[in-house]
Amino acid sequence: MADHSSSGVLDAETAAPRPRRRKFSARTAREQAIVIAFYVALVVLWELAVRAELIAPYILPAPSMFMAELADRWDLYLEHTIATTNSTLAGFALGSGVGFVLGLLIAYSRTMERIIYPAIIFTQTVPKLALAPLFTVWFGVGALPKVLITALICLFPVLINTVTGIKTVDPRLRQLMNSVSASKWQLFRMIELPTALPSIFAGLQVGVTLAVVGALVGEWVGADRGLGFLILYDTSQLRTTGVFASLVCVTVMGIVLFLLVRWLEKLLLPHRPHAELESLSKSGM
């Protein structure tokens, strides 16, 4: 009987379902091929419509035109892309850091919630294009106004998602930590922060895309470098080919930054956020 019971346990463990890895199936390949074919067809139709003079090139240039512009003046666009990327990253880092800290203050203090929320909502309701000239007057022409506008734009989604993540922690997990006499720091490090991380990273993904917009807004007012400045200059000269070339750079930059945040999420997000809690409860503190 003992042999049968032990073999049954082994069989049960062996038969336990294991997490399945995603496989690149034929269906997935077909779906991706359809998506790629759709966008390729869209670009081809766009090109043919301009070549057939159904659309004036100064209104909507053909893809080949602004791609040729990018190839001919790649050093110019690279220089301005680097300037915009630097402003975007600096503003994103500042806004995300401040948003995270303010989110923690709001999540843990009702008084701070009543103080901070009205001010944050006020800054979000005011159009950033209206604030950008004021920032130029207050802080001068240069990188600082662009960084501050960018930080102000991407602060809100990180703040809101931090508050949401902290407040959605299961109360039973808090009770369990209290039952083993865990400190507030241990509660935050082992339970609250790991639980809130998915929500925080969702805010960071929204924030990094908004940061690109913020950098462009800052460059439209009082800047002499960056893709926003280049778009404004080309628009004043009716060079729509140059405008679309800059928009390609903006799009690529935004996608790369978004994918970097996604990569960081996969790298840093714990697969088992409460693993430390399990070992803590087993040891009995």
C-alpha atoms as a PDB file:
ATOM      1  CA  MET A   1       0.000   0.000   0.000  1.00  0.00           C
ATOM      2  CA  ALA A   2       2.857   2.343   0.857  1.00  0.00           C
ATOM      3  CA  ASP A   3       4.406   1.731  -2.528  1.00  0.00           C
ATOM      4  CA  HIS A   4       1.103   2.460  -4.265  1.00  0.00           C
ATOM      5  CA  SER A   5       0.556   5.655  -2.274  1.00  0.00           C
ATOM      6  CA  SER A   6       4.078   6.920  -2.896  1.00  0.00           C
ATOM      7  CA  SER A   7       3.843   6.105  -6.579  1.00  0.00           C
ATOM      8  CA  GLY A   8       0.484   7.868  -6.687  1.00  0.00           C
ATOM      9  CA  VAL A   9       2.047  10.992  -5.205  1.00  0.00           C
ATOM     10  CA  LEU A  10       4.867  10.842  -7.724  1.00  0.00           C
ATOM     11  CA  ASP A  11       2.385  10.357 -10.552  1.00  0.00           C
ATOM     12  CA  ALA A  12       0.359  13.308  -9.329  1.00  0.00           C
ATOM     13  CA  GLU A  13       3.444  15.505  -9.158  1.00  0.00           C
ATOM     14  CA  THR A  14       4.538  14.341 -12.588  1.00  0.00           C
ATOM     15  CA  ALA A  15       1.098  14.963 -14.021  1.00  0.00           C
ATOM     16  CA  ALA A  16       0.866  18.434 -12.484  1.00  0.00           C
ATOM     17  CA  PRO A  17       0.362  21.008 -15.209  1.00  0.00           C
ATOM     18  CA  ARG A  18       3.411  23.034 -16.056  1.00  0.00           C
ATOM     19  CA  PRO A  19       3.319  26.547 -17.417  1.00  0.00           C
ATOM     20  CA  ARG A  20       3.220  26.451 -21.176  1.00  0.00           C
ATOM     21  CA  ARG A  21       5.520  28.529 -23.277  1.00  0.00           C
ATOM     22  CA  ARG A  22       4.082  30.489 -26.099  1.00  0.00           C
ATOM     23  CA  LYS A  23       4.745  28.844 -29.409  1.00  0.00           C
ATOM     24  CA  PHE A  24       5.025  30.612 -32.719  1.00  0.00           C
ATOM     25  CA  SER A  25       2.106  28.818 -34.329  1.00  0.00           C
ATOM     26  CA  ALA A  26       1.013  28.964 -37.926  1.00  0.00           C
ATOM     27  CA  ARG A  27      -2.034  30.952 -36.859  1.00  0.00           C
ATOM     28  CA  THR A  28       0.147  33.589 -35.184  1.00  0.00           C
ATOM     29  CA  ALA A  29       2.336  33.828 -38.278  1.00  0.00           C
ATOM     30  CA  ARG A  30      -0.742  34.215 -40.471  1.00  0.00           C
ATOM     31  CA  GLU A  31      -2.160  36.976 -38.271  1.00  0.00           C
ATOM     32  CA  GLN A  32       1.129  38.874 -38.285  1.00  0.00           C
ATOM     33  CA  ALA A  33       1.391  38.478 -42.047  1.00  0.00           C
ATOM     34  CA  ILE A  34      -2.091  39.977 -42.439  1.00  0.00           C
ATOM     35  CA  VAL A  35      -1.165  42.969 -40.281  1.00  0.00           C
ATOM     36  CA  ILE A  36       2.081  43.562 -42.185  1.00  0.00           C
ATOM     37  CA  ALA A  37       0.312  43.179 -45.528  1.00  0.00           C
ATOM     38  CA  PHE A  38      -2.332  45.715 -44.487  1.00  0.00           C
ATOM     39  CA  TYR A  39       0.200  48.409 -43.655  1.00  0.00           C
ATOM     40  CA  VAL A  40       2.311  47.670 -46.706  1.00  0.00           C
ATOM     41  CA  ALA A  41      -0.790  48.010 -48.892  1.00  0.00           C
ATOM     42  CA  LEU A  42      -1.666  51.273 -47.147  1.00  0.00           C
ATOM     43  CA  VAL A  43       1.776  52.719 -47.859  1.00  0.00           C
ATOM     44  CA  VAL A  44       1.662  51.543 -51.485  1.00  0.00           C
ATOM     45  CA  LEU A  45      -1.771  53.130 -52.022  1.00  0.00           C
ATOM     46  CA  TRP A  46      -0.493  56.341 -50.423  1.00  0.00           C
ATOM     47  CA  GLU A  47       2.506  56.346 -52.768  1.00  0.00           C
ATOM     48  CA  LEU A  48       0.388  55.639 -55.847  1.00  0.00           C
ATOM     49  CA  ALA A  49      -2.167  58.314 -54.961  1.00  0.00           C
ATOM     50  CA  VAL A  50       0.539  60.976 -54.775  1.00  0.00           C
ATOM     51  CA  ARG A  51       2.287  59.738 -57.923  1.00  0.00           C
ATOM     52  CA  ALA A  52      -1.030  59.824 -59.796  1.00  0.00           C
ATOM     53  CA  GLU A  53      -1.482  63.441 -58.628  1.00  0.00           C
ATOM     54  CA  LEU A  54      -4.657  62.609 -56.755  1.00  0.00           C
ATOM     55  CA  ILE A  55      -3.037  64.279 -53.741  1.00  0.00           C
ATOM     56  CA  ALA A  56      -0.743  67.287 -53.996  1.00  0.00           C
ATOM     57  CA  PRO A  57       2.750  66.538 -52.642  1.00  0.00           C
ATOM     58  CA  TYR A  58       2.852  69.790 -50.656  1.00  0.00           C
ATOM     59  CA  ILE A  59      -0.261  68.604 -48.785  1.00  0.00           C
ATOM     60  CA  LEU A  60       0.683  64.962 -48.306  1.00  0.00           C
ATOM     61  CA  PRO A  61       4.103  63.942 -49.660  1.00  0.00           C
ATOM     62  CA  ALA A  62       4.650  60.381 -50.821  1.00  0.00           C
ATOM     63  CA  PRO A  63       6.498  58.043 -48.419  1.00  0.00           C
ATOM     64  CA  SER A  64       9.391  57.796 -50.875  1.00  0.00           C
ATOM     65  CA  MET A  65       9.784  61.588 -50.766  1.00  0.00           C
ATOM     66  CA  PHE A  66      10.247  62.008 -47.029  1.00  0.00           C
ATOM     67  CA  MET A  67      12.277  58.804 -46.773  1.00  0.00           C
ATOM     68  CA  ALA A  68      14.604  60.277 -49.406  1.00  0.00           C
ATOM     69  CA  GLU A  69      14.693  63.454 -47.339  1.00  0.00           C
ATOM     70  CA  LEU A  70      15.746  61.413 -44.321  1.00  0.00           C
ATOM     71  CA  ALA A  71      18.451  59.639 -46.309  1.00  0.00           C
ATOM     72  CA  ASP A  72      19.843  62.868 -47.785  1.00  0.00           C
ATOM     73  CA  ARG A  73      19.914  64.830 -44.510  1.00  0.00           C
ATOM     74  CA  TRP A  74      20.289  62.032 -41.980  1.00  0.00           C
ATOM     75  CA  ASP A  75      22.941  63.888 -39.984  1.00  0.00           C
ATOM     76  CA  LEU A  76      20.615  66.863 -39.443  1.00  0.00           C
ATOM     77  CA  TYR A  77      17.703  64.691 -38.314  1.00  0.00           C
ATOM     78  CA  LEU A  78      19.965  62.594 -36.105  1.00  0.00           C
ATOM     79  CA  GLU A  79      21.242  65.721 -34.349  1.00  0.00           C
ATOM     80  CA  HIS A  80      17.732  67.009 -33.642  1.00  0.00           C
ATOM     81  CA  THR A  81      16.478  63.546 -32.671  1.00  0.00           C
ATOM     82  CA  ILE A  82      19.235  63.239 -30.068  1.00  0.00           C
ATOM     83  CA  ALA A  83      18.305  66.655 -28.651  1.00  0.00           C
ATOM     84  CA  THR A  84      14.632  65.688 -28.367  1.00  0.00           C
ATOM     85  CA  THR A  85      15.499  62.288 -26.896  1.00  0.00           C
ATOM     86  CA  ASN A  86      17.637  63.895 -24.188  1.00  0.00           C
ATOM     87  CA  SER A  87      14.828  66.263 -23.213  1.00  0.00           C
ATOM     88  CA  THR A  88      12.318  63.430 -23.279  1.00  0.00           C
ATOM     89  CA  LEU A  89      14.372  61.137 -21.071  1.00  0.00           C
ATOM     90  CA  ALA A  90      15.250  63.884 -18.584  1.00  0.00           C
ATOM     91  CA  GLY A  91      11.631  65.039 -18.305  1.00  0.00           C
ATOM     92  CA  PHE A  92      10.347  61.477 -18.102  1.00  0.00           C
ATOM     93  CA  ALA A  93      12.771  60.594 -15.314  1.00  0.00           C
ATOM     94  CA  LEU A  94      11.902  63.746 -13.356  1.00  0.00           C
ATOM     95  CA  GLY A  95       8.139  63.470 -13.870  1.00  0.00           C
ATOM     96  CA  SER A  96       8.038  59.737 -13.106  1.00  0.00           C
ATOM     97  CA  GLY A  97      10.107  60.146  -9.951  1.00  0.00           C
ATOM     98  CA  VAL A  98       7.992  63.012  -8.646  1.00  0.00           C
ATOM     99  CA  GLY A  99       4.784  61.223  -9.649  1.00  0.00           C
ATOM    100  CA  PHE A 100       5.846  58.069  -7.805  1.00  0.00           C
ATOM    101  CA  VAL A 101       6.725  59.953  -4.609  1.00  0.00           C
ATOM    102  CA  LEU A 102       3.536  62.034  -4.681  1.00  0.00           C
ATOM    103  CA  GLY A 103       1.534  58.877  -5.357  1.00  0.00           C
ATOM    104  CA  LEU A 104       2.980  57.260  -2.228  1.00  0.00           C
ATOM    105  CA  LEU A 105       2.185  60.365  -0.164  1.00  0.00           C
ATOM    106  CA  ILE A 106      -1.398  60.366  -1.417  1.00  0.00           C
ATOM    107  CA  ALA A 107      -1.817  56.613  -0.879  1.00  0.00           C
ATOM    108  CA  TYR A 108      -0.623  56.736   2.738  1.00  0.00           C
ATOM    109  CA  SER A 109      -1.969  60.085   3.938  1.00  0.00           C
ATOM    110  CA  ARG A 110      -5.467  61.485   3.646  1.00  0.00           C
ATOM    111  CA  THR A 111      -4.118  64.937   4.500  1.00  0.00           C
ATOM    112  CA  MET A 112      -1.575  64.818   1.687  1.00  0.00           C
ATOM    113  CA  GLU A 113      -4.276  63.549  -0.659  1.00  0.00           C
ATOM    114  CA  ARG A 114      -6.397  66.623   0.068  1.00  0.00           C
ATOM    115  CA  ILE A 115      -3.407  68.919  -0.395  1.00  0.00           C
ATOM    116  CA  ILE A 116      -1.799  67.389  -3.484  1.00  0.00           C
ATOM    117  CA  TYR A 117      -4.748  66.263  -5.600  1.00  0.00           C
ATOM    118  CA  PRO A 118      -6.265  69.728  -6.270  1.00  0.00           C
ATOM    119  CA  ALA A 119      -2.895  71.139  -7.323  1.00  0.00           C
ATOM    120  CA  ILE A 120      -2.132  68.204  -9.611  1.00  0.00           C
ATOM    121  CA  ILE A 121      -5.557  68.305 -11.231  1.00  0.00           C
ATOM    122  CA  PHE A 122      -5.174  72.050 -11.776  1.00  0.00           C
ATOM    123  CA  THR A 123      -1.848  71.567 -13.577  1.00  0.00           C
ATOM    124  CA  GLN A 124      -3.386  68.875 -15.785  1.00  0.00           C
ATOM    125  CA  THR A 125      -6.415  70.938 -16.807  1.00  0.00           C
ATOM    126  CA  VAL A 126      -4.313  73.895 -17.937  1.00  0.00           C
ATOM    127  CA  PRO A 127      -3.216  73.419 -21.591  1.00  0.00           C
ATOM    128  CA  LYS A 128       0.519  72.807 -21.785  1.00  0.00           C
ATOM    129  CA  LEU A 129       0.780  75.062 -24.833  1.00  0.00           C
ATOM    130  CA  ALA A 130      -0.391  77.885 -22.565  1.00  0.00           C
ATOM    131  CA  LEU A 131       2.186  77.015 -19.902  1.00  0.00           C
ATOM    132  CA  ALA A 132       5.137  76.605 -22.287  1.00  0.00           C
ATOM    133  CA  PRO A 133       5.562  80.373 -22.975  1.00  0.00           C
ATOM    134  CA  LEU A 134       5.382  81.071 -19.233  1.00  0.00           C
ATOM    135  CA  PHE A 135       8.047  78.460 -18.544  1.00  0.00           C
ATOM    136  CA  THR A 136      10.250  80.146 -21.136  1.00  0.00           C
ATOM    137  CA  VAL A 137       9.774  83.502 -19.381  1.00  0.00           C
ATOM    138  CA  TRP A 138      10.438  82.005 -15.944  1.00  0.00           C
ATOM    139  CA  PHE A 139      13.333  79.679 -16.766  1.00  0.00           C
ATOM    140  CA  GLY A 140      14.768  81.154 -19.967  1.00  0.00           C
ATOM    141  CA  VAL A 141      15.469  79.562 -23.328  1.00  0.00           C
ATOM    142  CA  GLY A 142      17.196  76.202 -23.169  1.00  0.00           C
ATOM    143  CA  ALA A 143      16.755  72.667 -21.949  1.00  0.00           C
ATOM    144  CA  LEU A 144      15.171  73.431 -18.559  1.00  0.00           C
ATOM    145  CA  PRO A 145      11.734  74.634 -19.788  1.00  0.00           C
ATOM    146  CA  LYS A 146      11.461  71.613 -22.117  1.00  0.00           C
ATOM    147  CA  VAL A 147      12.356  69.203 -19.323  1.00  0.00           C
ATOM    148  CA  LEU A 148       9.851  70.792 -16.919  1.00  0.00           C
ATOM    149  CA  ILE A 149       7.008  70.742 -19.461  1.00  0.00           C
ATOM    150  CA  THR A 150       7.790  67.105 -20.244  1.00  0.00           C
ATOM    151  CA  ALA A 151       7.880  66.208 -16.545  1.00  0.00           C
ATOM    152  CA  LEU A 152       4.569  67.954 -15.937  1.00  0.00           C
ATOM    153  CA  ILE A 153       2.867  66.027 -18.729  1.00  0.00           C
ATOM    154  CA  CYS A 154       4.067  62.534 -17.768  1.00  0.00           C
ATOM    155  CA  LEU A 155       3.735  63.042 -13.984  1.00  0.00           C
ATOM    156  CA  PHE A 156      -0.020  62.447 -13.773  1.00  0.00           C
ATOM    157  CA  PRO A 157      -0.338  58.889 -15.168  1.00  0.00           C
ATOM    158  CA  VAL A 158       2.510  57.647 -12.960  1.00  0.00           C
ATOM    159  CA  LEU A 159       0.973  59.296  -9.904  1.00  0.00           C
ATOM    160  CA  ILE A 160      -2.513  57.898 -10.509  1.00  0.00           C
ATOM    161  CA  ASN A 161      -1.258  54.383 -11.215  1.00  0.00           C
ATOM    162  CA  THR A 162       0.958  54.420  -8.130  1.00  0.00           C
ATOM    163  CA  VAL A 163      -1.993  55.376  -5.935  1.00  0.00           C
ATOM    164  CA  THR A 164      -4.182  52.739  -7.581  1.00  0.00           C
ATOM    165  CA  GLY A 165      -1.546  50.036  -7.210  1.00  0.00           C
ATOM    166  CA  ILE A 166      -0.931  50.703  -3.512  1.00  0.00           C
ATOM    167  CA  LYS A 167      -4.627  50.917  -2.652  1.00  0.00           C
ATOM    168  CA  THR A 168      -5.518  47.655  -4.403  1.00  0.00           C
ATOM    169  CA  VAL A 169      -3.329  45.524  -2.123  1.00  0.00           C
ATOM    170  CA  ASP A 170      -5.304  42.614  -0.668  1.00  0.00           C
ATOM    171  CA  PRO A 171      -6.161  43.485   2.974  1.00  0.00           C
ATOM    172  CA  ARG A 172      -5.591  39.839   3.931  1.00  0.00           C
ATOM    173  CA  LEU A 173      -1.938  40.190   2.967  1.00  0.00           C
ATOM    174  CA  ARG A 174      -1.630  43.206   5.232  1.00  0.00           C
ATOM    175  CA  GLN A 175      -3.216  41.225   8.073  1.00  0.00           C
ATOM    176  CA  LEU A 176      -0.816  38.360   7.498  1.00  0.00           C
ATOM    177  CA  MET A 177       2.157  40.715   7.680  1.00  0.00           C
ATOM    178  CA  ASN A 178       0.788  42.255  10.863  1.00  0.00           C
ATOM    179  CA  SER A 179       0.334  38.793  12.378  1.00  0.00           C
ATOM    180  CA  VAL A 180       4.075  38.134  12.011  1.00  0.00           C
ATOM    181  CA  SER A 181       4.956  41.585  13.413  1.00  0.00           C
ATOM    182  CA  ALA A 182       6.366  42.895  10.151  1.00  0.00           C
ATOM    183  CA  SER A 183       7.508  46.502  10.045  1.00  0.00           C
ATOM    184  CA  LYS A 184       5.993  49.090   7.706  1.00  0.00           C
ATOM    185  CA  TRP A 185       9.106  48.925   5.532  1.00  0.00           C
ATOM    186  CA  GLN A 186       8.806  45.134   5.254  1.00  0.00           C
ATOM    187  CA  LEU A 187       5.116  45.492   4.398  1.00  0.00           C
ATOM    188  CA  PHE A 188       5.965  48.003   1.673  1.00  0.00           C
ATOM    189  CA  ARG A 189       8.927  46.067   0.271  1.00  0.00           C
ATOM    190  CA  MET A 190       7.376  42.587   0.329  1.00  0.00           C
ATOM    191  CA  ILE A 191       3.696  43.254  -0.361  1.00  0.00           C
ATOM    192  CA  GLU A 192       2.703  46.750  -1.403  1.00  0.00           C
ATOM    193  CA  LEU A 193       5.437  47.622  -3.895  1.00  0.00           C
ATOM    194  CA  PRO A 194       5.440  44.226  -5.716  1.00  0.00           C
ATOM    195  CA  THR A 195       1.649  44.348  -5.923  1.00  0.00           C
ATOM    196  CA  ALA A 196       1.691  47.911  -7.242  1.00  0.00           C
ATOM    197  CA  LEU A 197       4.478  47.368  -9.790  1.00  0.00           C
ATOM    198  CA  PRO A 198       2.240  46.224 -12.686  1.00  0.00           C
ATOM    199  CA  SER A 199       0.073  49.302 -12.232  1.00  0.00           C
ATOM    200  CA  ILE A 200       3.116  51.568 -11.906  1.00  0.00           C
ATOM    201  CA  PHE A 201       4.648  50.192 -15.096  1.00  0.00           C
ATOM    202  CA  ALA A 202       1.347  50.771 -16.882  1.00  0.00           C
ATOM    203  CA  GLY A 203       1.614  54.403 -15.827  1.00  0.00           C
ATOM    204  CA  LEU A 204       5.227  54.528 -17.008  1.00  0.00           C
ATOM    205  CA  GLN A 205       4.224  53.208 -20.431  1.00  0.00           C
ATOM    206  CA  VAL A 206       1.621  55.945 -20.770  1.00  0.00           C
ATOM    207  CA  GLY A 207       4.019  58.492 -19.325  1.00  0.00           C
ATOM    208  CA  VAL A 208       6.865  57.783 -21.734  1.00  0.00           C
ATOM    209  CA  THR A 209       4.619  58.312 -24.762  1.00  0.00           C
ATOM    210  CA  LEU A 210       3.307  61.552 -23.281  1.00  0.00           C
ATOM    211  CA  ALA A 211       6.878  62.602 -22.535  1.00  0.00           C
ATOM    212  CA  VAL A 212       7.600  62.675 -26.273  1.00  0.00           C
ATOM    213  CA  VAL A 213       4.637  65.021 -26.737  1.00  0.00           C
ATOM    214  CA  GLY A 214       5.847  67.176 -23.866  1.00  0.00           C
ATOM    215  CA  ALA A 215       9.314  67.513 -25.356  1.00  0.00           C
ATOM    216  CA  LEU A 216       7.831  68.600 -28.703  1.00  0.00           C
ATOM    217  CA  VAL A 217       5.590  71.158 -26.991  1.00  0.00           C
ATOM    218  CA  GLY A 218       8.594  72.562 -25.156  1.00  0.00           C
ATOM    219  CA  GLU A 219      10.566  72.782 -28.389  1.00  0.00           C
ATOM    220  CA  TRP A 220       7.795  74.659 -30.148  1.00  0.00           C
ATOM    221  CA  VAL A 221       8.292  77.561 -27.744  1.00  0.00           C
ATOM    222  CA  GLY A 222      11.723  79.093 -27.321  1.00  0.00           C
ATOM    223  CA  ALA A 223      13.985  76.301 -28.592  1.00  0.00           C
ATOM    224  CA  ASP A 224      16.655  76.275 -31.266  1.00  0.00           C
ATOM    225  CA  ARG A 225      17.186  72.507 -31.392  1.00  0.00           C
ATOM    226  CA  GLY A 226      15.057  69.373 -31.479  1.00  0.00           C
ATOM    227  CA  LEU A 227      12.464  67.787 -33.713  1.00  0.00           C
ATOM    228  CA  GLY A 228       9.751  70.136 -32.449  1.00  0.00           C
ATOM    229  CA  PHE A 229      11.812  73.131 -33.520  1.00  0.00           C
ATOM    230  CA  LEU A 230      12.507  71.455 -36.869  1.00  0.00           C
ATOM    231  CA  ILE A 231       8.792  70.727 -37.452  1.00  0.00           C
ATOM    232  CA  LEU A 232       7.898  74.329 -36.635  1.00  0.00           C
ATOM    233  CA  TYR A 233      10.582  75.683 -38.966  1.00  0.00           C
ATOM    234  CA  ASP A 234       9.653  73.391 -41.874  1.00  0.00           C
ATOM    235  CA  THR A 235       5.973  74.235 -41.427  1.00  0.00           C
ATOM    236  CA  SER A 236       6.728  77.948 -41.682  1.00  0.00           C
ATOM    237  CA  GLN A 237       8.586  77.217 -44.939  1.00  0.00           C
ATOM    238  CA  LEU A 238       5.770  74.955 -46.237  1.00  0.00           C
ATOM    239  CA  ARG A 239       8.256  72.053 -46.422  1.00  0.00           C
ATOM    240  CA  THR A 240       5.823  69.246 -45.654  1.00  0.00           C
ATOM    241  CA  THR A 241       8.408  66.688 -46.782  1.00  0.00           C
ATOM    242  CA  GLY A 242      10.677  67.828 -43.958  1.00  0.00           C
ATOM    243  CA  VAL A 243       7.748  67.831 -41.516  1.00  0.00           C
ATOM    244  CA  PHE A 244       6.925  64.215 -42.339  1.00  0.00           C
ATOM    245  CA  ALA A 245      10.593  63.247 -42.085  1.00  0.00           C
ATOM    246  CA  SER A 246      10.663  64.706 -38.571  1.00  0.00           C
ATOM    247  CA  LEU A 247       7.414  62.908 -37.731  1.00  0.00           C
ATOM    248  CA  VAL A 248       9.019  59.616 -38.762  1.00  0.00           C
ATOM    249  CA  CYS A 249      11.870  60.315 -36.332  1.00  0.00           C
ATOM    250  CA  VAL A 250       9.391  61.203 -33.570  1.00  0.00           C
ATOM    251  CA  THR A 251       7.420  58.021 -34.180  1.00  0.00           C
ATOM    252  CA  VAL A 252      10.468  55.777 -34.163  1.00  0.00           C
ATOM    253  CA  MET A 253      11.788  57.454 -31.023  1.00  0.00           C
ATOM    254  CA  GLY A 254       8.462  57.051 -29.216  1.00  0.00           C
ATOM    255  CA  ILE A 255       8.161  53.387 -30.161  1.00  0.00           C
ATOM    256  CA  VAL A 256      11.725  52.647 -29.032  1.00  0.00           C
ATOM    257  CA  LEU A 257      11.203  54.356 -25.670  1.00  0.00           C
ATOM    258  CA  PHE A 258       7.897  52.539 -25.151  1.00  0.00           C
ATOM    259  CA  LEU A 259       9.521  49.185 -25.920  1.00  0.00           C
ATOM    260  CA  LEU A 260      12.364  49.993 -23.521  1.00  0.00           C
ATOM    261  CA  VAL A 261       9.859  50.522 -20.703  1.00  0.00           C
ATOM    262  CA  ARG A 262       8.171  47.240 -21.625  1.00  0.00           C
ATOM    263  CA  TRP A 263      11.564  45.524 -21.554  1.00  0.00           C
ATOM    264  CA  LEU A 264      12.339  46.999 -18.133  1.00  0.00           C
ATOM    265  CA  GLU A 265       8.982  45.758 -16.890  1.00  0.00           C
ATOM    266  CA  LYS A 266       9.781  42.199 -17.958  1.00  0.00           C
ATOM    267  CA  LEU A 267      13.269  42.507 -16.480  1.00  0.00           C
ATOM    268  CA  LEU A 268      12.341  43.976 -13.103  1.00  0.00           C
ATOM    269  CA  LEU A 269       8.814  42.813 -12.410  1.00  0.00           C
ATOM    270  CA  PRO A 270       8.941  39.846 -10.030  1.00  0.00           C
ATOM    271  CA  HIS A 271       7.256  36.693 -11.287  1.00  0.00           C
ATOM    272  CA  ARG A 272       6.342  35.802  -7.742  1.00  0.00           C
ATOM    273  CA  PRO A 273       5.797  39.102  -5.931  1.00  0.00           C
ATOM    274  CA  HIS A 274       5.097  37.445  -2.569  1.00  0.00           C
ATOM    275  CA  ALA A 275       7.911  34.901  -2.562  1.00  0.00           C
ATOM    276  CA  GLU A 276       9.607  36.704   0.334  1.00  0.00           C
ATOM    277  CA  LEU A 277       6.365  36.644   2.265  1.00  0.00           C
ATOM    278  CA  GLU A 278       6.122  32.876   1.905  1.00  0.00           C
ATOM    279  CA  SER A 279       9.632  32.357   3.268  1.00  0.00           C
ATOM    280  CA  LEU A 280       8.888  34.873   6.025  1.00  0.00           C
ATOM    281  CA  SER A 281       5.746  33.045   7.141  1.00  0.00           C
ATOM    282  CA  LYS A 282       7.581  29.698   7.096  1.00  0.00           C
ATOM    283  CA  SER A 283      10.377  31.013   9.290  1.00  0.00           C
ATOM    284  CA  GLY A 284       7.876  32.584  11.658  1.00  0.00           C
ATOM    285  CA  MET A 285       9.842  35.864  11.787  1.00  0.00           C
END
